[in-house]
Amino acid sequence: MEKRIVVVASGRGSNFQAVINALKRGTIPAICVALITDNSKAYVIERAKSECIPVILVDYATFSSRELYEQALLTALKKTQPDLVVLAGYMRIMGRGVVKEFSGRMMNIHPALLPSFAGLHAQRQALLHAVKVTGCTVHFVDDSLDGGPIILQRCVRVMDEDDEDTLAERILIQEHIALPEAIRLFCEDRLTIEGRKVRTR
């Protein structure tokens, strides 16, 4: 039976597009039932519309408090009845109420090899620390900042001539592989969370 996935995104939506492309190829046994965005100007909206995927706007700027925004976001998510919530470039820390509701059913993509370089500007952090290898991580979401159980990671070499943009571009190529793969494993019921460890069957 196909799983129902909802993607939450704030920006360009290239990872969203990678997921949609994998769904269209039939490599993920699921359907994307909605895109939810907090940003009315996000280009990801155009991507969703071009694929005839319903767009739900929960515009952060229209709420008087974070709490009210989080309540509206939780309501929107629950209405779509997702098996899996995918954060693909969602630029806010997910509220505890939402995380609790979808515990074990929400994953995020981050442009670093966690637990190194959590939070914003991960590529900049990698360059500042002069690491030789960085990459991307797909992980389940918990109450910590980019600290949930790791599903899979992909590595990228850091070149001497790299700047933040060139490094980000190469990491993004790996993100577009890693995120659909993690979603596929989830939708095939092949992931089990045991404490901090995610086992793949």
Protein backbone atom coordinates (compact mmCIF):
# COMPACT_ATOMS: atom_id res chain seq x y z
CA MET A 1 0.00 0.00 0.00
CA GLU A 2 1.34 3.42 -0.95
CA LYS A 3 2.41 5.70 1.87
CA ARG A 4 1.19 9.29 2.11
CA ILE A 5 4.00 11.85 2.37
CA VAL A 6 3.83 15.57 3.00
CA VAL A 7 6.78 17.84 2.25
CA VAL A 8 7.43 20.99 4.31
CA ALA A 9 9.73 23.54 2.66
CA SER A 10 10.63 27.22 2.83
CA GLY A 11 12.71 28.03 -0.24
CA ARG A 12 13.71 26.97 -3.76
CA GLY A 13 12.54 23.41 -3.35
CA SER A 14 15.28 21.51 -5.19
CA ASN A 15 15.08 18.67 -2.67
CA PHE A 16 11.30 18.69 -3.04
CA GLN A 17 11.80 18.33 -6.79
CA ALA A 18 14.22 15.44 -6.28
CA VAL A 19 11.60 13.66 -4.19
CA ILE A 20 8.86 14.31 -6.76
CA ASN A 21 11.12 13.03 -9.56
CA ALA A 22 11.73 9.81 -7.62
CA LEU A 23 7.99 9.40 -7.04
CA LYS A 24 7.35 9.86 -10.76
CA ARG A 25 9.99 7.25 -11.60
CA GLY A 26 8.23 4.83 -9.26
CA THR A 27 11.26 4.30 -7.04
CA ILE A 28 9.37 5.39 -3.91
CA PRO A 29 6.12 3.53 -3.10
CA ALA A 30 4.24 6.65 -2.02
CA ILE A 31 2.25 9.67 -3.11
CA CYS A 32 2.91 13.28 -2.16
CA VAL A 33 -0.43 14.51 -0.84
CA ALA A 34 0.64 18.12 -0.18
CA LEU A 35 3.37 20.71 0.05
CA ILE A 36 3.22 22.87 3.16
CA THR A 37 5.23 26.10 3.20
CA ASP A 38 5.70 28.93 5.68
CA ASN A 39 6.83 31.35 2.96
CA SER A 40 4.35 32.82 0.46
CA LYS A 41 7.21 33.79 -1.88
CA ALA A 42 8.98 30.42 -1.92
CA TYR A 43 9.76 29.09 -5.40
CA VAL A 44 8.86 25.61 -4.18
CA ILE A 45 5.21 26.67 -4.55
CA GLU A 46 5.67 26.93 -8.32
CA ARG A 47 7.28 23.49 -8.40
CA ALA A 48 4.31 21.98 -6.58
CA LYS A 49 1.77 23.69 -8.80
CA SER A 50 3.51 22.46 -11.94
CA GLU A 51 3.20 18.89 -10.58
CA CYS A 52 -0.47 19.41 -9.56
CA ILE A 53 0.40 18.86 -5.89
CA PRO A 54 -1.83 20.75 -3.41
CA VAL A 55 -0.11 23.67 -1.69
CA ILE A 56 -0.97 24.64 1.88
CA LEU A 57 0.37 28.02 2.95
CA VAL A 58 0.88 28.52 6.67
CA ASP A 59 2.56 31.92 6.40
CA TYR A 60 4.67 32.59 9.49
CA ALA A 61 4.50 36.34 8.85
CA THR A 62 0.72 36.39 9.38
CA PHE A 63 0.80 35.02 12.94
CA SER A 64 1.16 37.13 16.08
CA SER A 65 3.13 34.46 17.94
CA ARG A 66 5.20 31.38 17.32
CA GLU A 67 2.72 29.34 19.35
CA LEU A 68 -0.19 30.26 17.09
CA TYR A 69 1.88 29.48 14.02
CA GLU A 70 2.86 26.08 15.39
CA GLN A 71 -0.79 25.28 16.19
CA ALA A 72 -1.82 26.17 12.64
CA LEU A 73 1.04 24.12 11.18
CA LEU A 74 0.10 21.10 13.30
CA THR A 75 -3.53 21.42 12.22
CA ALA A 76 -2.54 21.61 8.55
CA LEU A 77 -0.27 18.58 8.85
CA LYS A 78 -2.86 16.46 10.64
CA LYS A 79 -5.50 17.26 8.00
CA THR A 80 -3.33 15.70 5.30
CA GLN A 81 -3.09 12.43 7.30
CA PRO A 82 0.54 11.75 6.39
CA ASP A 83 2.45 8.55 7.04
CA LEU A 84 5.65 10.58 6.73
CA VAL A 85 6.48 14.28 7.04
CA VAL A 86 9.58 15.33 5.06
CA LEU A 87 11.37 18.57 5.93
CA ALA A 88 13.15 19.63 2.74
CA GLY A 89 14.72 23.02 3.31
CA TYR A 90 12.36 24.04 6.12
CA MET A 91 14.14 27.00 7.67
CA ARG A 92 12.61 26.96 11.16
CA ILE A 93 13.08 24.85 14.24
CA MET A 94 10.08 22.54 14.39
CA GLY A 95 7.97 23.04 17.53
CA ARG A 96 7.83 20.34 20.18
CA GLY A 97 4.12 19.75 19.74
CA VAL A 98 4.58 18.95 16.06
CA VAL A 99 7.65 16.79 16.71
CA LYS A 100 5.79 14.81 19.38
CA GLU A 101 2.77 14.24 17.11
CA PHE A 102 4.94 12.84 14.31
CA SER A 103 7.66 11.14 16.34
CA GLY A 104 9.36 8.52 14.20
CA ARG A 105 7.45 9.77 11.15
CA MET A 106 9.30 13.04 10.39
CA MET A 107 12.67 13.30 8.67
CA ASN A 108 14.97 16.17 7.74
CA ILE A 109 17.86 16.70 5.33
CA HIS A 110 20.88 18.68 6.60
CA PRO A 111 23.95 19.78 4.56
CA ALA A 112 26.62 18.40 6.88
CA LEU A 113 27.77 15.14 8.42
CA LEU A 114 25.93 15.42 11.71
CA PRO A 115 26.59 15.77 14.58
CA SER A 116 29.16 18.17 13.10
CA PHE A 117 27.94 21.59 11.96
CA ALA A 118 24.33 21.57 13.09
CA GLY A 119 22.16 24.64 12.57
CA LEU A 120 22.50 27.35 9.95
CA HIS A 121 25.38 27.87 7.49
CA ALA A 122 26.70 24.32 7.75
CA GLN A 123 28.86 24.74 4.64
CA ARG A 124 30.44 27.89 6.08
CA GLN A 125 31.10 26.07 9.33
CA ALA A 126 32.83 23.26 7.43
CA LEU A 127 35.09 25.70 5.62
CA LEU A 128 35.92 27.62 8.79
CA HIS A 129 36.99 24.38 10.45
CA ALA A 130 39.00 23.39 7.36
CA VAL A 131 37.60 19.87 7.34
CA LYS A 132 38.64 17.60 4.48
CA VAL A 133 35.27 15.84 4.17
CA THR A 134 31.70 17.01 4.72
CA GLY A 135 28.41 15.96 3.19
CA CYS A 136 24.75 15.58 4.06
CA THR A 137 22.65 13.73 6.60
CA VAL A 138 19.06 12.53 6.58
CA HIS A 139 17.78 12.05 10.12
CA PHE A 140 14.59 11.60 12.07
CA VAL A 141 13.46 14.78 13.81
CA ASP A 142 13.41 15.02 17.59
CA ASP A 143 13.42 17.88 20.11
CA SER A 144 17.11 18.69 19.54
CA LEU A 145 18.58 20.89 16.82
CA ASP A 146 19.53 18.57 13.94
CA GLY A 147 20.14 15.89 16.54
CA GLY A 148 17.67 13.10 15.82
CA PRO A 149 18.62 9.52 14.91
CA ILE A 150 20.62 9.37 11.68
CA ILE A 151 19.11 7.44 8.77
CA LEU A 152 21.89 7.81 6.20
CA GLN A 153 24.77 10.08 5.19
CA ARG A 154 26.68 10.84 2.00
CA CYS A 155 30.19 12.30 1.85
CA VAL A 156 31.67 15.16 -0.18
CA ARG A 157 35.36 16.07 -0.36
CA VAL A 158 36.23 19.66 0.49
CA MET A 159 38.54 21.16 -2.13
CA ASP A 160 41.18 23.77 -1.37
CA GLU A 161 39.55 26.18 -3.81
CA ASP A 162 36.03 25.73 -2.41
CA ASP A 163 33.95 28.64 -1.23
CA GLU A 164 30.58 28.39 0.46
CA ASP A 165 28.66 28.33 -2.83
CA THR A 166 30.73 25.71 -4.65
CA LEU A 167 30.72 23.43 -1.62
CA ALA A 168 26.97 23.86 -1.20
CA GLU A 169 26.41 22.94 -4.85
CA ARG A 170 28.32 19.67 -4.53
CA ILE A 171 26.62 18.78 -1.27
CA LEU A 172 23.24 19.47 -2.87
CA ILE A 173 23.91 16.85 -5.54
CA GLN A 174 24.29 14.28 -2.76
CA GLU A 175 21.21 15.60 -0.93
CA HIS A 176 19.15 14.90 -4.04
CA ILE A 177 20.28 11.25 -3.83
CA ALA A 178 20.12 10.81 -0.06
CA LEU A 179 16.67 12.23 0.69
CA PRO A 180 14.71 10.13 -1.84
CA GLU A 181 16.66 7.05 -0.71
CA ALA A 182 15.76 7.63 2.95
CA ILE A 183 12.11 8.18 2.03
CA ARG A 184 12.13 4.97 -0.03
CA LEU A 185 13.48 2.97 2.91
CA PHE A 186 10.81 4.40 5.20
CA CYS A 187 8.01 3.74 2.74
CA GLU A 188 9.20 0.15 2.32
CA ASP A 189 8.99 -0.27 6.13
CA ARG A 190 12.70 -1.01 6.30
CA LEU A 191 13.69 1.48 9.04
CA THR A 192 13.61 0.75 12.77
CA ILE A 193 14.62 3.25 15.46
CA GLU A 194 16.45 1.75 18.44
CA GLY A 195 17.48 4.59 20.73
CA ARG A 196 19.95 6.69 18.74
CA LYS A 197 20.45 4.00 16.12
CA VAL A 198 18.40 3.57 12.94
CA ARG A 199 18.55 0.01 11.64
CA THR A 200 17.87 -0.77 7.98
CA ARG A 201 16.37 -4.13 7.12
